[in-house]
């Protein structure tokens, strides 16, 4: 159920090129997920509609934040350098195949080795390097004199000893996800995962913020650990409802709204992370006791 602005009520937030090789079995939480939270959290310790000191670790409202901060999801943040709230509340910078940062309210990503941000319209580092079109960098194409791409060496005329030529690339088939254990054996990459290859064997890692909570490798990392109240921050970490409050998850942390209130989740909205009594369209009518 959603309100007119598309925000979920708290009741809705709680929710339970060649042949390919099978991936290794994903085991629960994402290896790359860094968010954590204690088990069986007492939700009324994180009530988003109660003001608190910015140093207390509790939720805050905009009135007590520093001049260069605003309140986002119950805490004071600087939207000019916070990668979880970059340029506005809830605008999270992509960590796809790289390390995200926020500079001047704009997202930046430092790509992991072997990846590049070759498509400006897509977030993160979406392109695997090591091809004749993007050899050592985006747009670094190989020519007739050196038609083969060797990762770490660039374009070459022949593959060096200890590597295998697969198509127009020199590779180590023991750790190449596109040629894992042999040329053309491509590791599968289910939703919200990054393929890996080690010792000629395919595997996968969850993208940051997602987990394989049903332990089924076929559907990848199906659970959004930032919003799923049954798996908040990590698999099987449920946000527990207490008394008249309903557990909810936002940004990988457990929050609480009173029964019937709406937890506002619209990115960049001034009401992001607040419990509103009459929908999330500004202004927010705060929850009452």
C-alpha atoms as a PDB file:
ATOM      1  CA  UNK A   1       0.000   0.000   0.000  1.00  0.00           C
ATOM      2  CA  UNK A   2       1.314   3.463  -0.903  1.00  0.00           C
ATOM      3  CA  UNK A   3       0.112   6.989  -0.322  1.00  0.00           C
ATOM      4  CA  UNK A   4      -0.472   9.588  -3.033  1.00  0.00           C
ATOM      5  CA  UNK A   5       3.204  10.549  -3.051  1.00  0.00           C
ATOM      6  CA  UNK A   6       4.347   6.968  -3.504  1.00  0.00           C
ATOM      7  CA  UNK A   7       5.672   6.505   0.033  1.00  0.00           C
ATOM      8  CA  UNK A   8       5.055   3.295   1.889  1.00  0.00           C
ATOM      9  CA  UNK A   9       3.073   3.163   5.082  1.00  0.00           C
ATOM     10  CA  UNK A  10       4.897   1.431   7.887  1.00  0.00           C
ATOM     11  CA  UNK A  11       2.700  -1.620   7.478  1.00  0.00           C
ATOM     12  CA  UNK A  12       4.073  -1.983   3.927  1.00  0.00           C
ATOM     13  CA  UNK A  13       7.706  -1.524   4.855  1.00  0.00           C
ATOM     14  CA  UNK A  14       7.797  -4.815   6.732  1.00  0.00           C
ATOM     15  CA  UNK A  15       8.164  -7.506   4.068  1.00  0.00           C
ATOM     16  CA  UNK A  16       9.419 -10.804   4.395  1.00  0.00           C
ATOM     17  CA  UNK A  17      28.263 -13.805 -24.122  1.00  0.00           C
ATOM     18  CA  UNK A  18      29.030 -17.773 -24.514  1.00  0.00           C
ATOM     19  CA  UNK A  19      28.260 -20.687 -22.338  1.00  0.00           C
ATOM     20  CA  UNK A  20      27.907 -19.940 -18.670  1.00  0.00           C
ATOM     21  CA  UNK A  21      29.041 -21.685 -15.553  1.00  0.00           C
ATOM     22  CA  UNK A  22      27.047 -22.020 -12.356  1.00  0.00           C
ATOM     23  CA  UNK A  23      28.039 -19.627  -9.600  1.00  0.00           C
ATOM     24  CA  UNK A  24      29.181 -20.652  -6.196  1.00  0.00           C
ATOM     25  CA  UNK A  25      26.480 -20.761  -3.553  1.00  0.00           C
ATOM     26  CA  UNK A  26      25.813 -17.422  -1.948  1.00  0.00           C
ATOM     27  CA  UNK A  27      25.821 -17.700   1.796  1.00  0.00           C
ATOM     28  CA  UNK A  28      23.509 -15.263   3.476  1.00  0.00           C
ATOM     29  CA  UNK A  29      24.761 -11.734   3.918  1.00  0.00           C
ATOM     30  CA  UNK A  30      26.648  -9.868   1.231  1.00  0.00           C
ATOM     31  CA  UNK A  31      30.411 -10.051   1.576  1.00  0.00           C
ATOM     32  CA  UNK A  32      30.598  -6.381   0.618  1.00  0.00           C
ATOM     33  CA  UNK A  33      27.864  -5.148   2.952  1.00  0.00           C
ATOM     34  CA  UNK A  34      29.330  -3.032   5.705  1.00  0.00           C
ATOM     35  CA  UNK A  35      26.123  -1.955   7.450  1.00  0.00           C
ATOM     36  CA  UNK A  36      25.463  -3.758  10.684  1.00  0.00           C
ATOM     37  CA  UNK A  37      22.924  -3.547  13.468  1.00  0.00           C
ATOM     38  CA  UNK A  38      22.333  -5.402  16.706  1.00  0.00           C
ATOM     39  CA  UNK A  39      19.992  -8.357  16.776  1.00  0.00           C
ATOM     40  CA  UNK A  40      16.371  -7.949  17.927  1.00  0.00           C
ATOM     41  CA  UNK A  41      16.550  -4.169  18.196  1.00  0.00           C
ATOM     42  CA  UNK A  42      14.115  -2.524  20.569  1.00  0.00           C
ATOM     43  CA  UNK A  43      12.474  -0.187  18.113  1.00  0.00           C
ATOM     44  CA  UNK A  44      11.340   2.477  20.541  1.00  0.00           C
ATOM     45  CA  UNK A  45      15.020   3.283  21.102  1.00  0.00           C
ATOM     46  CA  UNK A  46      15.030   4.745  17.571  1.00  0.00           C
ATOM     47  CA  UNK A  47      11.842   6.800  17.350  1.00  0.00           C
ATOM     48  CA  UNK A  48      12.102   9.092  14.382  1.00  0.00           C
ATOM     49  CA  UNK A  49       9.526  11.623  15.548  1.00  0.00           C
ATOM     50  CA  UNK A  50      11.283  12.431  18.841  1.00  0.00           C
ATOM     51  CA  UNK A  51      13.910  15.236  18.837  1.00  0.00           C
ATOM     52  CA  UNK A  52      17.245  14.447  20.444  1.00  0.00           C
ATOM     53  CA  UNK A  53      20.736  15.812  20.816  1.00  0.00           C
ATOM     54  CA  UNK A  54      22.912  15.406  17.683  1.00  0.00           C
ATOM     55  CA  UNK A  55      25.586  13.844  19.929  1.00  0.00           C
ATOM     56  CA  UNK A  56      23.325  11.350  21.650  1.00  0.00           C
ATOM     57  CA  UNK A  57      23.085   8.847  18.803  1.00  0.00           C
ATOM     58  CA  UNK A  58      19.303   9.187  18.810  1.00  0.00           C
ATOM     59  CA  UNK A  59      17.004  10.687  16.163  1.00  0.00           C
ATOM     60  CA  UNK A  60      17.063  14.443  15.625  1.00  0.00           C
ATOM     61  CA  UNK A  61      15.000  17.147  13.987  1.00  0.00           C
ATOM     62  CA  UNK A  62      16.267  19.902  11.701  1.00  0.00           C
ATOM     63  CA  UNK A  63      16.059  22.532  14.450  1.00  0.00           C
ATOM     64  CA  UNK A  64      19.060  21.206  16.372  1.00  0.00           C
ATOM     65  CA  UNK A  65      21.355  20.364  13.448  1.00  0.00           C
ATOM     66  CA  UNK A  66      24.450  22.469  12.744  1.00  0.00           C
ATOM     67  CA  UNK A  67      24.246  25.235  10.151  1.00  0.00           C
ATOM     68  CA  UNK A  68      25.850  23.041   7.460  1.00  0.00           C
ATOM     69  CA  UNK A  69      23.627  20.036   8.212  1.00  0.00           C
ATOM     70  CA  UNK A  70      20.035  18.923   7.757  1.00  0.00           C
ATOM     71  CA  UNK A  71      18.042  16.119   9.380  1.00  0.00           C
ATOM     72  CA  UNK A  72      17.844  12.952   7.276  1.00  0.00           C
ATOM     73  CA  UNK A  73      16.249   9.766   8.586  1.00  0.00           C
ATOM     74  CA  UNK A  74      16.654  10.816  12.185  1.00  0.00           C
ATOM     75  CA  UNK A  75      20.225  12.119  12.138  1.00  0.00           C
ATOM     76  CA  UNK A  76      22.060  15.297  11.205  1.00  0.00           C
ATOM     77  CA  UNK A  77      24.024  14.988   7.956  1.00  0.00           C
ATOM     78  CA  UNK A  78      26.019  17.215   5.637  1.00  0.00           C
ATOM     79  CA  UNK A  79      24.542  16.574   2.196  1.00  0.00           C
ATOM     80  CA  UNK A  80      27.625  18.061   0.518  1.00  0.00           C
ATOM     81  CA  UNK A  81      29.849  15.116   1.567  1.00  0.00           C
ATOM     82  CA  UNK A  82      27.659  12.271   2.862  1.00  0.00           C
ATOM     83  CA  UNK A  83      27.554   9.395   0.307  1.00  0.00           C
ATOM     84  CA  UNK A  84      24.290   8.122   1.825  1.00  0.00           C
ATOM     85  CA  UNK A  85      22.590  11.514   1.467  1.00  0.00           C
ATOM     86  CA  UNK A  86      24.495  13.227  -1.351  1.00  0.00           C
ATOM     87  CA  UNK A  87      22.829  16.460  -2.443  1.00  0.00           C
ATOM     88  CA  UNK A  88      19.618  15.493  -0.635  1.00  0.00           C
ATOM     89  CA  UNK A  89      18.166  13.068   1.871  1.00  0.00           C
ATOM     90  CA  UNK A  90      18.291   9.434   0.757  1.00  0.00           C
ATOM     91  CA  UNK A  91      20.258  10.097  -2.440  1.00  0.00           C
ATOM     92  CA  UNK A  92      22.773   7.267  -1.979  1.00  0.00           C
ATOM     93  CA  UNK A  93      25.872   7.162  -4.188  1.00  0.00           C
ATOM     94  CA  UNK A  94      26.363   3.917  -6.101  1.00  0.00           C
ATOM     95  CA  UNK A  95      28.959   1.469  -4.801  1.00  0.00           C
ATOM     96  CA  UNK A  96      28.803  -0.754  -7.900  1.00  0.00           C
ATOM     97  CA  UNK A  97      32.327  -2.130  -8.461  1.00  0.00           C
ATOM     98  CA  UNK A  98      33.910   0.803  -6.671  1.00  0.00           C
ATOM     99  CA  UNK A  99      34.100   3.014  -3.600  1.00  0.00           C
ATOM    100  CA  UNK A 100      31.533   5.835  -3.469  1.00  0.00           C
ATOM    101  CA  UNK A 101      32.107   9.357  -2.196  1.00  0.00           C
ATOM    102  CA  UNK A 102      30.223  12.643  -2.212  1.00  0.00           C
ATOM    103  CA  UNK A 103      31.917  15.897  -3.199  1.00  0.00           C
ATOM    104  CA  UNK A 104      30.046  19.169  -3.208  1.00  0.00           C
ATOM    105  CA  UNK A 105      26.716  17.331  -3.246  1.00  0.00           C
ATOM    106  CA  UNK A 106      27.638  15.239  -6.304  1.00  0.00           C
ATOM    107  CA  UNK A 107      28.423  11.533  -6.315  1.00  0.00           C
ATOM    108  CA  UNK A 108      31.843  10.193  -7.311  1.00  0.00           C
ATOM    109  CA  UNK A 109      33.037   6.607  -7.545  1.00  0.00           C
ATOM    110  CA  UNK A 110      36.620   5.327  -7.365  1.00  0.00           C
ATOM    111  CA  UNK A 111      36.517   2.197  -9.521  1.00  0.00           C
ATOM    112  CA  UNK A 112      37.894  -1.131  -8.393  1.00  0.00           C
ATOM    113  CA  UNK A 113      40.778  -2.571 -10.472  1.00  0.00           C
ATOM    114  CA  UNK A 114      39.500  -4.008 -13.734  1.00  0.00           C
ATOM    115  CA  UNK A 115      36.391  -1.801 -13.875  1.00  0.00           C
ATOM    116  CA  UNK A 116      35.616   1.574 -15.419  1.00  0.00           C
ATOM    117  CA  UNK A 117      32.834   4.145 -15.459  1.00  0.00           C
ATOM    118  CA  UNK A 118      32.448   4.135 -19.240  1.00  0.00           C
ATOM    119  CA  UNK A 119      28.756   5.089 -19.356  1.00  0.00           C
ATOM    120  CA  UNK A 120      28.065   8.414 -17.658  1.00  0.00           C
ATOM    121  CA  UNK A 121      24.321   7.727 -17.723  1.00  0.00           C
ATOM    122  CA  UNK A 122      24.705   4.685 -15.459  1.00  0.00           C
ATOM    123  CA  UNK A 123      25.807   4.861 -11.809  1.00  0.00           C
ATOM    124  CA  UNK A 124      28.955   3.229 -10.506  1.00  0.00           C
ATOM    125  CA  UNK A 125      31.651   1.413 -12.473  1.00  0.00           C
ATOM    126  CA  UNK A 126      29.500  -0.667 -14.777  1.00  0.00           C
ATOM    127  CA  UNK A 127      32.087  -1.720 -17.396  1.00  0.00           C
ATOM    128  CA  UNK A 128      34.612  -4.553 -17.114  1.00  0.00           C
ATOM    129  CA  UNK A 129      37.910  -3.521 -18.687  1.00  0.00           C
ATOM    130  CA  UNK A 130      40.249  -5.903 -20.495  1.00  0.00           C
ATOM    131  CA  UNK A 131      38.494  -5.898 -23.873  1.00  0.00           C
ATOM    132  CA  UNK A 132      39.776  -4.562 -27.195  1.00  0.00           C
ATOM    133  CA  UNK A 133      37.318  -1.635 -26.898  1.00  0.00           C
ATOM    134  CA  UNK A 134      38.113  -0.787 -23.281  1.00  0.00           C
ATOM    135  CA  UNK A 135      41.498  -2.348 -22.607  1.00  0.00           C
ATOM    136  CA  UNK A 136      43.183  -0.537 -19.707  1.00  0.00           C
ATOM    137  CA  UNK A 137      40.708   2.335 -19.612  1.00  0.00           C
ATOM    138  CA  UNK A 138      37.381   3.410 -21.045  1.00  0.00           C
ATOM    139  CA  UNK A 139      37.748   3.963 -24.786  1.00  0.00           C
ATOM    140  CA  UNK A 140      41.269   2.515 -24.839  1.00  0.00           C
ATOM    141  CA  UNK A 141      40.849   0.435 -27.989  1.00  0.00           C
ATOM    142  CA  UNK A 142      43.500  -1.802 -29.558  1.00  0.00           C
ATOM    143  CA  UNK A 143      44.760  -1.346 -33.142  1.00  0.00           C
ATOM    144  CA  UNK A 144      46.010  -3.590 -35.952  1.00  0.00           C
ATOM    145  CA  UNK A 145      49.644  -3.442 -34.809  1.00  0.00           C
ATOM    146  CA  UNK A 146      48.698  -4.558 -31.307  1.00  0.00           C
ATOM    147  CA  UNK A 147      45.286  -6.198 -31.610  1.00  0.00           C
ATOM    148  CA  UNK A 148      45.227  -8.159 -28.350  1.00  0.00           C
ATOM    149  CA  UNK A 149      44.375  -6.742 -24.934  1.00  0.00           C
ATOM    150  CA  UNK A 150      46.438  -7.906 -21.951  1.00  0.00           C
ATOM    151  CA  UNK A 151      45.160  -6.697 -18.608  1.00  0.00           C
ATOM    152  CA  UNK A 152      47.971  -4.862 -16.830  1.00  0.00           C
ATOM    153  CA  UNK A 153      49.991  -4.442 -20.033  1.00  0.00           C
ATOM    154  CA  UNK A 154      47.532  -2.853 -22.467  1.00  0.00           C
ATOM    155  CA  UNK A 155      47.407  -3.734 -26.143  1.00  0.00           C
ATOM    156  CA  UNK A 156      49.997  -6.258 -27.329  1.00  0.00           C
ATOM    157  CA  UNK A 157      50.808  -8.152 -30.542  1.00  0.00           C
ATOM    158  CA  UNK A 158      51.012 -11.552 -28.855  1.00  0.00           C
ATOM    159  CA  UNK A 159      50.163 -13.021 -25.485  1.00  0.00           C
ATOM    160  CA  UNK A 160      53.098 -13.423 -23.081  1.00  0.00           C
ATOM    161  CA  UNK A 161      54.056 -16.739 -21.513  1.00  0.00           C
ATOM    162  CA  UNK A 162      51.818 -17.866 -18.709  1.00  0.00           C
ATOM    163  CA  UNK A 163      48.648 -16.434 -20.243  1.00  0.00           C
ATOM    164  CA  UNK A 164      46.037 -17.816 -22.619  1.00  0.00           C
ATOM    165  CA  UNK A 165      44.666 -16.045 -25.675  1.00  0.00           C
ATOM    166  CA  UNK A 166      40.889 -16.115 -25.576  1.00  0.00           C
ATOM    167  CA  UNK A 167      39.558 -14.300 -28.605  1.00  0.00           C
ATOM    168  CA  UNK A 168      41.288 -10.919 -28.695  1.00  0.00           C
ATOM    169  CA  UNK A 169      42.341 -10.957 -25.051  1.00  0.00           C
ATOM    170  CA  UNK A 170      45.234 -12.432 -23.095  1.00  0.00           C
ATOM    171  CA  UNK A 171      43.980 -13.789 -19.835  1.00  0.00           C
ATOM    172  CA  UNK A 172      44.638 -15.944 -16.826  1.00  0.00           C
ATOM    173  CA  UNK A 173      41.845 -18.489 -16.938  1.00  0.00           C
ATOM    174  CA  UNK A 174      42.210 -19.267 -13.246  1.00  0.00           C
ATOM    175  CA  UNK A 175      40.689 -15.928 -12.246  1.00  0.00           C
ATOM    176  CA  UNK A 176      38.956 -14.407 -15.297  1.00  0.00           C
ATOM    177  CA  UNK A 177      35.164 -14.308 -14.890  1.00  0.00           C
ATOM    178  CA  UNK A 178      34.749 -14.292 -18.675  1.00  0.00           C
ATOM    179  CA  UNK A 179      37.029 -17.285 -19.165  1.00  0.00           C
ATOM    180  CA  UNK A 180      36.920 -19.112 -15.849  1.00  0.00           C
ATOM    181  CA  UNK A 181      38.722 -22.445 -16.206  1.00  0.00           C
ATOM    182  CA  UNK A 182      38.817 -22.126 -20.011  1.00  0.00           C
ATOM    183  CA  UNK A 183      38.057 -19.768 -22.880  1.00  0.00           C
ATOM    184  CA  UNK A 184      34.410 -18.785 -23.183  1.00  0.00           C
ATOM    185  CA  UNK A 185      33.334 -20.101 -19.786  1.00  0.00           C
ATOM    186  CA  UNK A 186      31.516 -17.044 -18.439  1.00  0.00           C
ATOM    187  CA  UNK A 187      30.581 -16.861 -14.784  1.00  0.00           C
ATOM    188  CA  UNK A 188      26.913 -16.188 -14.156  1.00  0.00           C
ATOM    189  CA  UNK A 189      25.955 -12.917 -12.496  1.00  0.00           C
ATOM    190  CA  UNK A 190      22.480 -13.108 -10.883  1.00  0.00           C
ATOM    191  CA  UNK A 191      20.650  -9.916  -9.785  1.00  0.00           C
ATOM    192  CA  UNK A 192      22.508  -7.614  -7.389  1.00  0.00           C
ATOM    193  CA  UNK A 193      25.729  -9.623  -7.550  1.00  0.00           C
ATOM    194  CA  UNK A 194      29.262  -9.315  -8.949  1.00  0.00           C
ATOM    195  CA  UNK A 195      30.780 -12.460 -10.462  1.00  0.00           C
ATOM    196  CA  UNK A 196      34.098 -13.788  -9.188  1.00  0.00           C
ATOM    197  CA  UNK A 197      36.532 -16.455 -10.419  1.00  0.00           C
ATOM    198  CA  UNK A 198      39.149 -18.081  -8.212  1.00  0.00           C
ATOM    199  CA  UNK A 199      41.149 -21.238  -8.871  1.00  0.00           C
ATOM    200  CA  UNK A 200      39.107 -21.903 -12.041  1.00  0.00           C
ATOM    201  CA  UNK A 201      35.857 -21.783 -10.062  1.00  0.00           C
ATOM    202  CA  UNK A 202      33.046 -19.247 -10.406  1.00  0.00           C
ATOM    203  CA  UNK A 203      31.456 -17.502  -7.472  1.00  0.00           C
ATOM    204  CA  UNK A 204      29.535 -14.352  -6.665  1.00  0.00           C
ATOM    205  CA  UNK A 205      29.560 -11.490  -4.182  1.00  0.00           C
ATOM    206  CA  UNK A 206      26.561  -9.401  -3.237  1.00  0.00           C
ATOM    207  CA  UNK A 207      26.464  -5.749  -4.261  1.00  0.00           C
ATOM    208  CA  UNK A 208      26.703  -3.525  -1.186  1.00  0.00           C
ATOM    209  CA  UNK A 209      23.304  -3.057   0.398  1.00  0.00           C
ATOM    210  CA  UNK A 210      21.872  -6.408  -0.728  1.00  0.00           C
ATOM    211  CA  UNK A 211      21.926  -9.881   0.789  1.00  0.00           C
ATOM    212  CA  UNK A 212      21.145 -13.472  -0.169  1.00  0.00           C
ATOM    213  CA  UNK A 213      18.765 -13.946   2.707  1.00  0.00           C
ATOM    214  CA  UNK A 214      16.859 -16.886   1.185  1.00  0.00           C
ATOM    215  CA  UNK A 215      20.203 -18.648   0.540  1.00  0.00           C
ATOM    216  CA  UNK A 216      19.164 -19.418  -3.045  1.00  0.00           C
ATOM    217  CA  UNK A 217      22.019 -18.635  -5.460  1.00  0.00           C
ATOM    218  CA  UNK A 218      19.693 -18.729  -8.458  1.00  0.00           C
ATOM    219  CA  UNK A 219      17.964 -15.428  -7.675  1.00  0.00           C
ATOM    220  CA  UNK A 220      21.131 -13.691  -6.498  1.00  0.00           C
ATOM    221  CA  UNK A 221      21.061 -11.206  -3.646  1.00  0.00           C
ATOM    222  CA  UNK A 222      17.339 -10.621  -3.614  1.00  0.00           C
ATOM    223  CA  UNK A 223      16.967  -8.687  -0.356  1.00  0.00           C
ATOM    224  CA  UNK A 224      17.437  -4.937  -0.005  1.00  0.00           C
ATOM    225  CA  UNK A 225      19.141  -4.684   3.378  1.00  0.00           C
ATOM    226  CA  UNK A 226      18.521  -0.950   3.561  1.00  0.00           C
ATOM    227  CA  UNK A 227      14.715  -1.146   3.515  1.00  0.00           C
ATOM    228  CA  UNK A 228      13.614  -4.664   4.468  1.00  0.00           C
ATOM    229  CA  UNK A 229      12.451  -4.646   8.079  1.00  0.00           C
ATOM    230  CA  UNK A 230      12.912  -8.413   8.388  1.00  0.00           C
ATOM    231  CA  UNK A 231      16.545  -8.170   7.223  1.00  0.00           C
ATOM    232  CA  UNK A 232      17.646  -4.672   8.214  1.00  0.00           C
ATOM    233  CA  UNK A 233      21.373  -4.051   7.707  1.00  0.00           C
ATOM    234  CA  UNK A 234      21.997  -7.791   7.473  1.00  0.00           C
ATOM    235  CA  UNK A 235      20.033 -10.990   6.933  1.00  0.00           C
ATOM    236  CA  UNK A 236      17.759 -12.090   9.778  1.00  0.00           C
ATOM    237  CA  UNK A 237      18.109  -8.815  11.687  1.00  0.00           C
ATOM    238  CA  UNK A 238      14.430  -7.981  12.180  1.00  0.00           C
ATOM    239  CA  UNK A 239      13.112  -4.633  13.360  1.00  0.00           C
ATOM    240  CA  UNK A 240      10.847  -5.615  16.244  1.00  0.00           C
ATOM    241  CA  UNK A 241       7.541  -3.874  16.885  1.00  0.00           C
ATOM    242  CA  UNK A 242       6.976  -2.786  20.466  1.00  0.00           C
ATOM    243  CA  UNK A 243       3.698  -1.641  21.993  1.00  0.00           C
ATOM    244  CA  UNK A 244       1.909   0.716  19.596  1.00  0.00           C
ATOM    245  CA  UNK A 245       4.964   1.221  17.397  1.00  0.00           C
ATOM    246  CA  UNK A 246       5.646  -0.571  14.123  1.00  0.00           C
ATOM    247  CA  UNK A 247       9.166  -1.589  13.090  1.00  0.00           C
ATOM    248  CA  UNK A 248      10.561  -0.199   9.849  1.00  0.00           C
ATOM    249  CA  UNK A 249      13.950  -0.147   8.129  1.00  0.00           C
ATOM    250  CA  UNK A 250      15.536   2.788   6.353  1.00  0.00           C
ATOM    251  CA  UNK A 251      19.163   3.049   5.285  1.00  0.00           C
ATOM    252  CA  UNK A 252      19.932  -0.273   6.942  1.00  0.00           C
ATOM    253  CA  UNK A 253      18.874   0.928  10.395  1.00  0.00           C
ATOM    254  CA  UNK A 254      15.738   0.139  12.345  1.00  0.00           C
ATOM    255  CA  UNK A 255      13.292   3.007  12.876  1.00  0.00           C
ATOM    256  CA  UNK A 256       9.885   3.222  14.471  1.00  0.00           C
ATOM    257  CA  UNK A 257       6.611   4.920  13.597  1.00  0.00           C
ATOM    258  CA  UNK A 258       3.368   4.861  15.496  1.00  0.00           C
ATOM    259  CA  UNK A 259       0.682   2.566  14.147  1.00  0.00           C
ATOM    260  CA  UNK A 260      -1.003   4.128  11.120  1.00  0.00           C
ATOM    261  CA  UNK A 261       1.763   6.651  10.475  1.00  0.00           C
ATOM    262  CA  UNK A 262       3.639   6.828   7.172  1.00  0.00           C
ATOM    263  CA  UNK A 263       7.412   6.460   7.008  1.00  0.00           C
ATOM    264  CA  UNK A 264       8.423   8.829   4.209  1.00  0.00           C
ATOM    265  CA  UNK A 265      11.013   7.367   1.823  1.00  0.00           C
ATOM    266  CA  UNK A 266      10.991   9.749  -1.170  1.00  0.00           C
ATOM    267  CA  UNK A 267      14.620  10.579  -2.019  1.00  0.00           C
ATOM    268  CA  UNK A 268      15.556  14.261  -1.638  1.00  0.00           C
ATOM    269  CA  UNK A 269      12.221  15.028   0.040  1.00  0.00           C
ATOM    270  CA  UNK A 270      12.356  17.326   3.056  1.00  0.00           C
ATOM    271  CA  UNK A 271      10.274  14.676   4.849  1.00  0.00           C
ATOM    272  CA  UNK A 272      12.640  11.756   4.141  1.00  0.00           C
ATOM    273  CA  UNK A 273      12.885   9.492   7.170  1.00  0.00           C
ATOM    274  CA  UNK A 274      10.056  11.171   9.061  1.00  0.00           C
ATOM    275  CA  UNK A 275       6.816   9.685  10.353  1.00  0.00           C
ATOM    276  CA  UNK A 276       3.954  11.771   9.016  1.00  0.00           C
ATOM    277  CA  UNK A 277       0.347  11.583  10.129  1.00  0.00           C
ATOM    278  CA  UNK A 278      -1.354  12.688   6.916  1.00  0.00           C
ATOM    279  CA  UNK A 279       0.839  11.419   4.063  1.00  0.00           C
ATOM    280  CA  UNK A 280       4.260  12.568   2.944  1.00  0.00           C
ATOM    281  CA  UNK A 281       3.431  15.605   0.810  1.00  0.00           C
ATOM    282  CA  UNK A 282       5.042  18.638   2.474  1.00  0.00           C
ATOM    283  CA  UNK A 283       4.470  19.915   5.010  1.00  0.00           C
ATOM    284  CA  UNK A 284       4.664  16.820   7.173  1.00  0.00           C
ATOM    285  CA  UNK A 285       2.180  16.663   9.995  1.00  0.00           C
ATOM    286  CA  UNK A 286       4.223  14.999  12.739  1.00  0.00           C
ATOM    287  CA  UNK A 287       3.054  12.008  14.694  1.00  0.00           C
ATOM    288  CA  UNK A 288       1.268  12.725  17.958  1.00  0.00           C
ATOM    289  CA  UNK A 289       1.247  10.773  21.164  1.00  0.00           C
END
